[in-house]
Every structure is written in C-alpha cells, then in structure tokens.
Amino acid sequence: MSDPQFPGPHPAAPRLPGPGATTAPGTTAPRTAAPRSGPIRTAVRSRDPISQAGVTAQLGTTGVDDPVGARPVVLAEPDDDPDVLVIVADTVDDWLLAQLDAVTGRPAPRPVLVVGQLDDSAGLQAIEAGGLSLVRRAESTAPLLREVIRAAARGEARLPTDLLSSLLTRVGRAQRHVLAPRGLTILPLSPRQLAVLRMIAAGADIATIARELSYSERSIKNIVHEITTQLGVRNRTQAVAHAIREGLI
C-alpha cells in the first residue's frame, strides 16, 4: 500500500522542506550552508510511519547527556529549510538512494542515514551515493544520533566503527599489494606525516622527532594534530594502532 507522503513503490525524493514547499516544478529551492552556531534544525524522512515517529520522538527528547556547549538538535518546522536530514530505511534501496540524490552536492541539508541492515556492500553503496554519515537503526540511541547529526552539520563523516575498519582494511590491502609495488599511493597522509607517524610508532617522543627531522617541537605537534584529524582518531596511540592494523605504515 502506498504511503500518502511517498506515493508509489520507489518515489522520487520530494524537495525539502516537504510536501508544503512552494518550489516550482523542475526547479530547486535555494540552499544555504548550515549555521556555525545555534540549534541544528533537523528533519526526518522515512517510508515507514512507525520509524518516522520513533526517530522523531528520539530527537524531540532533551539532550541531558549532551556535552557541555554542544549545539542543540531541534526538529525542523514544516516550513523550515533544515540543516540536517535524517533518512530512515530498512536497507540501502532505490528509495533511500533517491532521497540521497535529491540532497547530495548541496550545502544543506546534510544527510544522516539510519539503516536497519547495513553490511560492507550496502555501506559502500551508500557512501558512494553521498551518505557519509551512517548509523545502524539498532544502535541509534538518542545521544548517538544527536552526536552524528552535529558531526554532519560540521561537514564531518561518521560511520560505524566496524564498517570504517572494514573499508580501511580494503584500502590498506590495495595499497600494499596493488599500488605500492607500482610506486603509487592512496594513503590519506603526506610523506612528512607518514615519517612522523613511523617515528612515533618506533617510540620516539616529540623532542626527538623534531631534532631528527629538523623541525620545531611546535611544528611536530601540529603535524601530529593533522594526522589524528585525518585518521579520525583521538591521540597518537590510536593513530599508531590504527595505521599498523590497517597496513598504512
């Protein structure tokens, strides 16, 4: 049976902010980048009204567990242009991909996918379509969902840890066995960053690395910060563990 909000088996994604939008056929409503401060206006879209109601209720709760100073996540009003769009689906199917296609490449809204069945293949398909923030529905607690929404509003990707690890393993394997023998690389780190990371892995401290590479200690600390940011880890120890595990160094 067709949902009145989404008629047909695989409807094209409606233009935001929703069915009441006044955008003329064949045109796209203007989009602006998500604000850097203030509430993050969030819309929810699902083919399933029960899932829609559940995620909407989660986002409507007070974020008592949110970090101090974190931007509040609020539900967008029907006539708002949301900053983030949460798309809820059972699987990565044609309907979900159509929703992604409608917003990919625009500054707003930024998509967050909440998917029931999410394996490596489905995750890769979603990522290739522009879904850089993914949450499994079984793991989508209100605090986690708000955290992922804040990251999306900042333009950051968030993936389940096991999915990210699996994808990086594929990258590391391709680097070691296919690209490295040809003198090529797809590593996310520059030669300078790799040199610093290798020295950290060997047990060198900041002062030793600075002396060996003829940099100031401040410059080495900045490079370490770049490394942890690009690898999506919290500290040097995690960076080394991640790089060794995935064959990046």
C-alpha atoms as a PDB file:
ATOM      1  CA  MET A   1       0.000   0.000   0.000  1.00  0.00           C
ATOM      2  CA  SER A   2       1.333   3.422  -0.869  1.00  0.00           C
ATOM      3  CA  ASP A   3       2.127   5.930   1.821  1.00  0.00           C
ATOM      4  CA  PRO A   4       0.351   9.236   1.067  1.00  0.00           C
ATOM      5  CA  GLN A   5       3.570  11.098   1.806  1.00  0.00           C
ATOM      6  CA  PHE A   6       5.574   8.909  -0.579  1.00  0.00           C
ATOM      7  CA  PRO A   7       3.230   7.530  -3.263  1.00  0.00           C
ATOM      8  CA  GLY A   8       4.361   4.622  -5.393  1.00  0.00           C
ATOM      9  CA  PRO A   9       6.897   1.870  -4.772  1.00  0.00           C
ATOM     10  CA  HIS A  10      10.058   3.951  -5.278  1.00  0.00           C
ATOM     11  CA  PRO A  11       9.088   7.629  -5.488  1.00  0.00           C
ATOM     12  CA  ALA A  12      11.479  10.372  -6.424  1.00  0.00           C
ATOM     13  CA  ALA A  13      12.630  12.308  -3.401  1.00  0.00           C
ATOM     14  CA  PRO A  14      10.412  15.336  -2.726  1.00  0.00           C
ATOM     15  CA  ARG A  15      12.063  18.719  -2.487  1.00  0.00           C
ATOM     16  CA  LEU A  16      12.634  19.940   1.028  1.00  0.00           C
ATOM     17  CA  PRO A  17      11.251  21.375   3.231  1.00  0.00           C
ATOM     18  CA  GLY A  18       8.404  18.969   2.461  1.00  0.00           C
ATOM     19  CA  PRO A  19       5.067  18.468   0.795  1.00  0.00           C
ATOM     20  CA  GLY A  20       4.068  22.056   1.555  1.00  0.00           C
ATOM     21  CA  ALA A  21       7.034  23.591  -0.243  1.00  0.00           C
ATOM     22  CA  THR A  22       6.257  26.207  -2.875  1.00  0.00           C
ATOM     23  CA  THR A  23       9.131  25.387  -5.233  1.00  0.00           C
ATOM     24  CA  ALA A  24       8.058  25.430  -8.846  1.00  0.00           C
ATOM     25  CA  PRO A  25       8.244  22.125 -10.767  1.00  0.00           C
ATOM     26  CA  GLY A  26      11.647  21.467 -12.260  1.00  0.00           C
ATOM     27  CA  THR A  27      13.409  23.988 -10.001  1.00  0.00           C
ATOM     28  CA  THR A  28      15.426  23.556  -6.843  1.00  0.00           C
ATOM     29  CA  ALA A  29      14.862  25.582  -3.707  1.00  0.00           C
ATOM     30  CA  PRO A  30      17.880  27.694  -2.744  1.00  0.00           C
ATOM     31  CA  ARG A  31      20.119  26.189  -0.088  1.00  0.00           C
ATOM     32  CA  THR A  32      22.368  27.826   2.434  1.00  0.00           C
ATOM     33  CA  ALA A  33      25.168  26.265   4.435  1.00  0.00           C
ATOM     34  CA  ALA A  34      24.382  25.038   7.935  1.00  0.00           C
ATOM     35  CA  PRO A  35      24.996  27.756  10.526  1.00  0.00           C
ATOM     36  CA  ARG A  36      28.070  27.502  12.710  1.00  0.00           C
ATOM     37  CA  SER A  37      26.170  28.179  15.918  1.00  0.00           C
ATOM     38  CA  GLY A  38      22.662  27.912  17.270  1.00  0.00           C
ATOM     39  CA  PRO A  39      20.267  24.962  17.051  1.00  0.00           C
ATOM     40  CA  ILE A  40      20.705  22.399  14.291  1.00  0.00           C
ATOM     41  CA  ARG A  41      17.357  22.184  12.534  1.00  0.00           C
ATOM     42  CA  THR A  42      16.776  18.525  11.718  1.00  0.00           C
ATOM     43  CA  ALA A  43      14.126  16.912   9.541  1.00  0.00           C
ATOM     44  CA  VAL A  44      13.260  13.195   9.484  1.00  0.00           C
ATOM     45  CA  ARG A  45      12.129  11.246   6.431  1.00  0.00           C
ATOM     46  CA  SER A  46      11.052   7.616   6.312  1.00  0.00           C
ATOM     47  CA  ARG A  47       8.793   5.412   4.215  1.00  0.00           C
ATOM     48  CA  ASP A  48       7.619   3.755   7.415  1.00  0.00           C
ATOM     49  CA  PRO A  49       5.448   5.987   9.647  1.00  0.00           C
ATOM     50  CA  ILE A  50       6.396   3.986  12.754  1.00  0.00           C
ATOM     51  CA  SER A  51      10.122   4.515  12.110  1.00  0.00           C
ATOM     52  CA  GLN A  52       9.431   8.162  11.347  1.00  0.00           C
ATOM     53  CA  ALA A  53       7.594   8.587  14.639  1.00  0.00           C
ATOM     54  CA  GLY A  54      10.289   6.735  16.591  1.00  0.00           C
ATOM     55  CA  VAL A  55      13.240   8.777  15.308  1.00  0.00           C
ATOM     56  CA  THR A  56      11.239  11.995  15.609  1.00  0.00           C
ATOM     57  CA  ALA A  57      10.473  11.144  19.244  1.00  0.00           C
ATOM     58  CA  GLN A  58      14.172  10.460  19.894  1.00  0.00           C
ATOM     59  CA  LEU A  59      15.162  13.842  18.550  1.00  0.00           C
ATOM     60  CA  GLY A  60      12.393  15.526  20.495  1.00  0.00           C
ATOM     61  CA  THR A  61      13.880  14.470  23.827  1.00  0.00           C
ATOM     62  CA  THR A  62      16.042  16.826  25.876  1.00  0.00           C
ATOM     63  CA  GLY A  63      19.744  16.146  25.386  1.00  0.00           C
ATOM     64  CA  VAL A  64      20.612  15.839  29.088  1.00  0.00           C
ATOM     65  CA  ASP A  65      23.630  13.655  28.213  1.00  0.00           C
ATOM     66  CA  ASP A  66      24.991  16.042  25.593  1.00  0.00           C
ATOM     67  CA  PRO A  67      28.472  17.541  26.097  1.00  0.00           C
ATOM     68  CA  VAL A  68      28.575  20.978  27.689  1.00  0.00           C
ATOM     69  CA  GLY A  69      28.372  23.646  24.999  1.00  0.00           C
ATOM     70  CA  ALA A  70      27.202  21.238  22.293  1.00  0.00           C
ATOM     71  CA  ARG A  71      24.833  22.700  19.710  1.00  0.00           C
ATOM     72  CA  PRO A  72      21.255  21.647  20.454  1.00  0.00           C
ATOM     73  CA  VAL A  73      19.497  19.449  17.912  1.00  0.00           C
ATOM     74  CA  VAL A  74      15.912  20.546  17.279  1.00  0.00           C
ATOM     75  CA  LEU A  75      13.189  19.302  14.997  1.00  0.00           C
ATOM     76  CA  ALA A  76      12.714  21.483  11.943  1.00  0.00           C
ATOM     77  CA  GLU A  77       9.355  23.139  11.463  1.00  0.00           C
ATOM     78  CA  PRO A  78       7.418  22.165   8.314  1.00  0.00           C
ATOM     79  CA  ASP A  79       8.301  25.460   6.601  1.00  0.00           C
ATOM     80  CA  ASP A  80      11.993  25.396   7.673  1.00  0.00           C
ATOM     81  CA  ASP A  81      14.966  24.670   5.476  1.00  0.00           C
ATOM     82  CA  PRO A  82      16.631  22.027   7.676  1.00  0.00           C
ATOM     83  CA  ASP A  83      20.370  21.863   8.271  1.00  0.00           C
ATOM     84  CA  VAL A  84      20.372  18.058   8.502  1.00  0.00           C
ATOM     85  CA  LEU A  85      18.047  15.445   7.024  1.00  0.00           C
ATOM     86  CA  VAL A  86      17.795  12.083   8.795  1.00  0.00           C
ATOM     87  CA  ILE A  87      16.769   9.401   6.294  1.00  0.00           C
ATOM     88  CA  VAL A  88      15.426   6.192   7.861  1.00  0.00           C
ATOM     89  CA  ALA A  89      15.216   2.954   5.880  1.00  0.00           C
ATOM     90  CA  ASP A  90      15.371  -0.815   6.299  1.00  0.00           C
ATOM     91  CA  THR A  91      18.047  -1.240   3.645  1.00  0.00           C
ATOM     92  CA  VAL A  92      20.068   0.747   1.137  1.00  0.00           C
ATOM     93  CA  ASP A  93      17.485   0.505  -1.643  1.00  0.00           C
ATOM     94  CA  ASP A  94      16.290   2.598  -4.582  1.00  0.00           C
ATOM     95  CA  TRP A  95      14.096   4.765  -2.360  1.00  0.00           C
ATOM     96  CA  LEU A  96      16.949   5.651   0.009  1.00  0.00           C
ATOM     97  CA  LEU A  97      19.307   6.350  -2.896  1.00  0.00           C
ATOM     98  CA  ALA A  98      16.682   8.654  -4.432  1.00  0.00           C
ATOM     99  CA  GLN A  99      16.497  10.628  -1.174  1.00  0.00           C
ATOM    100  CA  LEU A 100      20.284  10.946  -1.151  1.00  0.00           C
ATOM    101  CA  ASP A 101      20.382  12.021  -4.767  1.00  0.00           C
ATOM    102  CA  ALA A 102      17.996  14.880  -4.000  1.00  0.00           C
ATOM    103  CA  VAL A 103      20.358  16.449  -1.456  1.00  0.00           C
ATOM    104  CA  THR A 104      23.855  15.319  -2.459  1.00  0.00           C
ATOM    105  CA  GLY A 105      26.092  18.155  -3.591  1.00  0.00           C
ATOM    106  CA  ARG A 106      24.110  20.844  -1.785  1.00  0.00           C
ATOM    107  CA  PRO A 107      25.380  22.734   1.255  1.00  0.00           C
ATOM    108  CA  ALA A 108      22.181  21.842   3.138  1.00  0.00           C
ATOM    109  CA  PRO A 109      20.536  19.722   4.281  1.00  0.00           C
ATOM    110  CA  ARG A 110      23.323  17.284   5.051  1.00  0.00           C
ATOM    111  CA  PRO A 111      22.117  13.680   5.126  1.00  0.00           C
ATOM    112  CA  VAL A 112      22.358  11.225   8.012  1.00  0.00           C
ATOM    113  CA  LEU A 113      21.277   7.658   7.221  1.00  0.00           C
ATOM    114  CA  VAL A 114      19.688   5.375   9.812  1.00  0.00           C
ATOM    115  CA  VAL A 115      19.597   1.937   8.216  1.00  0.00           C
ATOM    116  CA  GLY A 116      18.332  -1.384   9.565  1.00  0.00           C
ATOM    117  CA  GLN A 117      20.502  -3.746   7.529  1.00  0.00           C
ATOM    118  CA  LEU A 118      23.975  -2.338   6.914  1.00  0.00           C
ATOM    119  CA  ASP A 119      26.805  -4.591   5.763  1.00  0.00           C
ATOM    120  CA  ASP A 120      30.004  -3.719   3.883  1.00  0.00           C
ATOM    121  CA  SER A 121      28.395  -3.762   0.436  1.00  0.00           C
ATOM    122  CA  ALA A 122      25.381  -1.680   1.474  1.00  0.00           C
ATOM    123  CA  GLY A 123      27.611   0.738   3.366  1.00  0.00           C
ATOM    124  CA  LEU A 124      29.896   1.209   0.386  1.00  0.00           C
ATOM    125  CA  GLN A 125      26.910   1.763  -1.903  1.00  0.00           C
ATOM    126  CA  ALA A 126      25.523   4.420   0.450  1.00  0.00           C
ATOM    127  CA  ILE A 127      28.900   6.144   0.779  1.00  0.00           C
ATOM    128  CA  GLU A 128      29.387   6.247  -2.995  1.00  0.00           C
ATOM    129  CA  ALA A 129      25.947   7.879  -3.261  1.00  0.00           C
ATOM    130  CA  GLY A 130      26.916  10.605  -0.796  1.00  0.00           C
ATOM    131  CA  GLY A 131      25.787   9.099   2.506  1.00  0.00           C
ATOM    132  CA  LEU A 132      28.845   9.870   4.617  1.00  0.00           C
ATOM    133  CA  SER A 133      27.060   9.633   7.976  1.00  0.00           C
ATOM    134  CA  LEU A 134      25.603   6.215   8.737  1.00  0.00           C
ATOM    135  CA  VAL A 135      24.009   4.721  11.845  1.00  0.00           C
ATOM    136  CA  ARG A 136      22.562   1.251  12.281  1.00  0.00           C
ATOM    137  CA  ARG A 137      18.968   1.512  13.451  1.00  0.00           C
ATOM    138  CA  ALA A 138      19.583  -0.978  16.281  1.00  0.00           C
ATOM    139  CA  GLU A 139      22.368   1.295  17.596  1.00  0.00           C
ATOM    140  CA  SER A 140      20.650   4.648  17.090  1.00  0.00           C
ATOM    141  CA  THR A 141      20.198   5.859  20.638  1.00  0.00           C
ATOM    142  CA  ALA A 142      19.189   9.482  21.045  1.00  0.00           C
ATOM    143  CA  PRO A 143      22.661  10.628  22.259  1.00  0.00           C
ATOM    144  CA  LEU A 144      24.436   8.844  19.382  1.00  0.00           C
ATOM    145  CA  LEU A 145      22.014  10.203  16.825  1.00  0.00           C
ATOM    146  CA  ARG A 146      22.476  13.758  18.087  1.00  0.00           C
ATOM    147  CA  GLU A 147      26.266  13.301  18.022  1.00  0.00           C
ATOM    148  CA  VAL A 148      26.173  12.121  14.390  1.00  0.00           C
ATOM    149  CA  ILE A 149      23.835  14.981  13.452  1.00  0.00           C
ATOM    150  CA  ARG A 150      26.246  17.525  14.967  1.00  0.00           C
ATOM    151  CA  ALA A 151      29.129  15.957  13.055  1.00  0.00           C
ATOM    152  CA  ALA A 152      27.140  16.098   9.809  1.00  0.00           C
ATOM    153  CA  ALA A 153      26.312  19.756  10.434  1.00  0.00           C
ATOM    154  CA  ARG A 154      30.071  20.403  10.740  1.00  0.00           C
ATOM    155  CA  GLY A 155      30.659  18.606   7.455  1.00  0.00           C
ATOM    156  CA  GLU A 156      32.228  15.549   9.126  1.00  0.00           C
ATOM    157  CA  ALA A 157      31.568  11.912   8.268  1.00  0.00           C
ATOM    158  CA  ARG A 158      30.563   9.320  10.859  1.00  0.00           C
ATOM    159  CA  LEU A 159      30.478   5.579  10.160  1.00  0.00           C
ATOM    160  CA  PRO A 160      30.016   2.556  12.428  1.00  0.00           C
ATOM    161  CA  THR A 161      33.434   1.502  13.719  1.00  0.00           C
ATOM    162  CA  ASP A 162      33.339  -1.978  12.195  1.00  0.00           C
ATOM    163  CA  LEU A 163      32.279  -0.642   8.808  1.00  0.00           C
ATOM    164  CA  LEU A 164      35.005   2.013   8.810  1.00  0.00           C
ATOM    165  CA  SER A 165      37.601  -0.583   9.833  1.00  0.00           C
ATOM    166  CA  SER A 166      36.482  -2.945   7.072  1.00  0.00           C
ATOM    167  CA  LEU A 167      36.654  -0.237   4.414  1.00  0.00           C
ATOM    168  CA  LEU A 168      40.084   0.913   5.622  1.00  0.00           C
ATOM    169  CA  THR A 169      41.299  -2.686   5.561  1.00  0.00           C
ATOM    170  CA  ARG A 170      40.358  -2.839   1.898  1.00  0.00           C
ATOM    171  CA  VAL A 171      42.242   0.399   1.298  1.00  0.00           C
ATOM    172  CA  GLY A 172      45.290  -0.867   3.175  1.00  0.00           C
ATOM    173  CA  ARG A 173      45.267  -4.153   1.251  1.00  0.00           C
ATOM    174  CA  ALA A 174      45.004  -2.351  -2.072  1.00  0.00           C
ATOM    175  CA  GLN A 175      47.838  -0.040  -1.051  1.00  0.00           C
ATOM    176  CA  ARG A 176      50.178  -2.868  -0.029  1.00  0.00           C
ATOM    177  CA  HIS A 177      49.508  -5.342  -2.829  1.00  0.00           C
ATOM    178  CA  VAL A 178      48.462  -3.266  -5.814  1.00  0.00           C
ATOM    179  CA  LEU A 179      49.633   0.331  -5.589  1.00  0.00           C
ATOM    180  CA  ALA A 180      52.858   0.237  -3.547  1.00  0.00           C
ATOM    181  CA  PRO A 181      54.660  -2.119  -5.984  1.00  0.00           C
ATOM    182  CA  ARG A 182      53.928   0.466  -8.703  1.00  0.00           C
ATOM    183  CA  GLY A 183      55.160   3.400  -6.620  1.00  0.00           C
ATOM    184  CA  LEU A 184      51.621   4.734  -6.141  1.00  0.00           C
ATOM    185  CA  THR A 185      49.681   5.593  -3.014  1.00  0.00           C
ATOM    186  CA  ILE A 186      46.143   6.369  -1.889  1.00  0.00           C
ATOM    187  CA  LEU A 187      47.144   6.899   1.728  1.00  0.00           C
ATOM    188  CA  PRO A 188      45.434   9.851   3.409  1.00  0.00           C
ATOM    189  CA  LEU A 189      48.761  11.094   4.803  1.00  0.00           C
ATOM    190  CA  SER A 190      51.574  13.104   3.222  1.00  0.00           C
ATOM    191  CA  PRO A 191      55.169  11.776   3.194  1.00  0.00           C
ATOM    192  CA  ARG A 192      56.009  14.180   6.047  1.00  0.00           C
ATOM    193  CA  GLN A 193      53.073  12.943   8.123  1.00  0.00           C
ATOM    194  CA  LEU A 194      53.999   9.329   7.432  1.00  0.00           C
ATOM    195  CA  ALA A 195      57.593   9.996   8.547  1.00  0.00           C
ATOM    196  CA  VAL A 196      56.363  11.456  11.840  1.00  0.00           C
ATOM    197  CA  LEU A 197      53.908   8.596  12.373  1.00  0.00           C
ATOM    198  CA  ARG A 198      56.603   5.980  11.739  1.00  0.00           C
ATOM    199  CA  MET A 199      58.881   7.628  14.318  1.00  0.00           C
ATOM    200  CA  ILE A 200      56.056   7.733  16.857  1.00  0.00           C
ATOM    201  CA  ALA A 201      55.431   4.035  16.191  1.00  0.00           C
ATOM    202  CA  ALA A 202      59.136   3.395  16.869  1.00  0.00           C
ATOM    203  CA  GLY A 203      58.805   5.041  20.277  1.00  0.00           C
ATOM    204  CA  ALA A 204      60.301   8.483  19.582  1.00  0.00           C
ATOM    205  CA  ASP A 205      58.997  11.447  21.558  1.00  0.00           C
ATOM    206  CA  ILE A 206      58.155  14.888  20.166  1.00  0.00           C
ATOM    207  CA  ALA A 207      61.572  16.364  21.016  1.00  0.00           C
ATOM    208  CA  THR A 208      63.425  13.507  19.311  1.00  0.00           C
ATOM    209  CA  ILE A 209      61.252  13.686  16.190  1.00  0.00           C
ATOM    210  CA  ALA A 210      61.749  17.450  15.963  1.00  0.00           C
ATOM    211  CA  ARG A 211      65.507  17.056  16.258  1.00  0.00           C
ATOM    212  CA  GLU A 212      65.736  14.221  13.728  1.00  0.00           C
ATOM    213  CA  LEU A 213      63.542  15.942  11.145  1.00  0.00           C
ATOM    214  CA  SER A 214      64.889  19.460  11.793  1.00  0.00           C
ATOM    215  CA  TYR A 215      61.506  20.895  12.785  1.00  0.00           C
ATOM    216  CA  SER A 216      60.438  22.804  15.854  1.00  0.00           C
ATOM    217  CA  GLU A 217      58.542  20.878  18.511  1.00  0.00           C
ATOM    218  CA  ARG A 218      55.533  23.087  17.832  1.00  0.00           C
ATOM    219  CA  SER A 219      55.604  22.072  14.150  1.00  0.00           C
ATOM    220  CA  ILE A 220      55.730  18.378  15.084  1.00  0.00           C
ATOM    221  CA  LYS A 221      52.766  18.833  17.433  1.00  0.00           C
ATOM    222  CA  ASN A 222      50.852  20.481  14.589  1.00  0.00           C
ATOM    223  CA  ILE A 223      51.705  17.579  12.279  1.00  0.00           C
ATOM    224  CA  VAL A 224      50.537  15.084  14.912  1.00  0.00           C
ATOM    225  CA  HIS A 225      47.270  17.013  15.171  1.00  0.00           C
ATOM    226  CA  GLU A 226      46.878  16.821  11.380  1.00  0.00           C
ATOM    227  CA  ILE A 227      47.455  13.057  11.498  1.00  0.00           C
ATOM    228  CA  THR A 228      44.876  12.389  14.207  1.00  0.00           C
ATOM    229  CA  THR A 229      42.336  14.610  12.455  1.00  0.00           C
ATOM    230  CA  GLN A 230      42.783  12.962   9.068  1.00  0.00           C
ATOM    231  CA  LEU A 231      42.659   9.435  10.509  1.00  0.00           C
ATOM    232  CA  GLY A 232      39.676  10.298  12.706  1.00  0.00           C
ATOM    233  CA  VAL A 233      41.351   9.184  15.954  1.00  0.00           C
ATOM    234  CA  ARG A 234      41.814  10.912  19.300  1.00  0.00           C
ATOM    235  CA  ASN A 235      45.506  10.651  20.040  1.00  0.00           C
ATOM    236  CA  ARG A 236      48.922   9.444  18.889  1.00  0.00           C
ATOM    237  CA  THR A 237      48.480   5.988  20.384  1.00  0.00           C
ATOM    238  CA  GLN A 238      45.255   5.398  18.462  1.00  0.00           C
ATOM    239  CA  ALA A 239      46.843   6.784  15.303  1.00  0.00           C
ATOM    240  CA  VAL A 240      49.741   4.330  15.508  1.00  0.00           C
ATOM    241  CA  ALA A 241      47.484   1.383  16.360  1.00  0.00           C
ATOM    242  CA  HIS A 242      45.158   2.225  13.503  1.00  0.00           C
ATOM    243  CA  ALA A 243      47.975   2.697  10.985  1.00  0.00           C
ATOM    244  CA  ILE A 244      49.693  -0.572  11.933  1.00  0.00           C
ATOM    245  CA  ARG A 245      46.466  -2.562  11.956  1.00  0.00           C
ATOM    246  CA  GLU A 246      45.447  -1.295   8.545  1.00  0.00           C
ATOM    247  CA  GLY A 247      48.892  -1.573   6.987  1.00  0.00           C
ATOM    248  CA  LEU A 248      49.290   2.145   6.401  1.00  0.00           C
ATOM    249  CA  ILE A 249      52.816   2.202   7.842  1.00  0.00           C
END
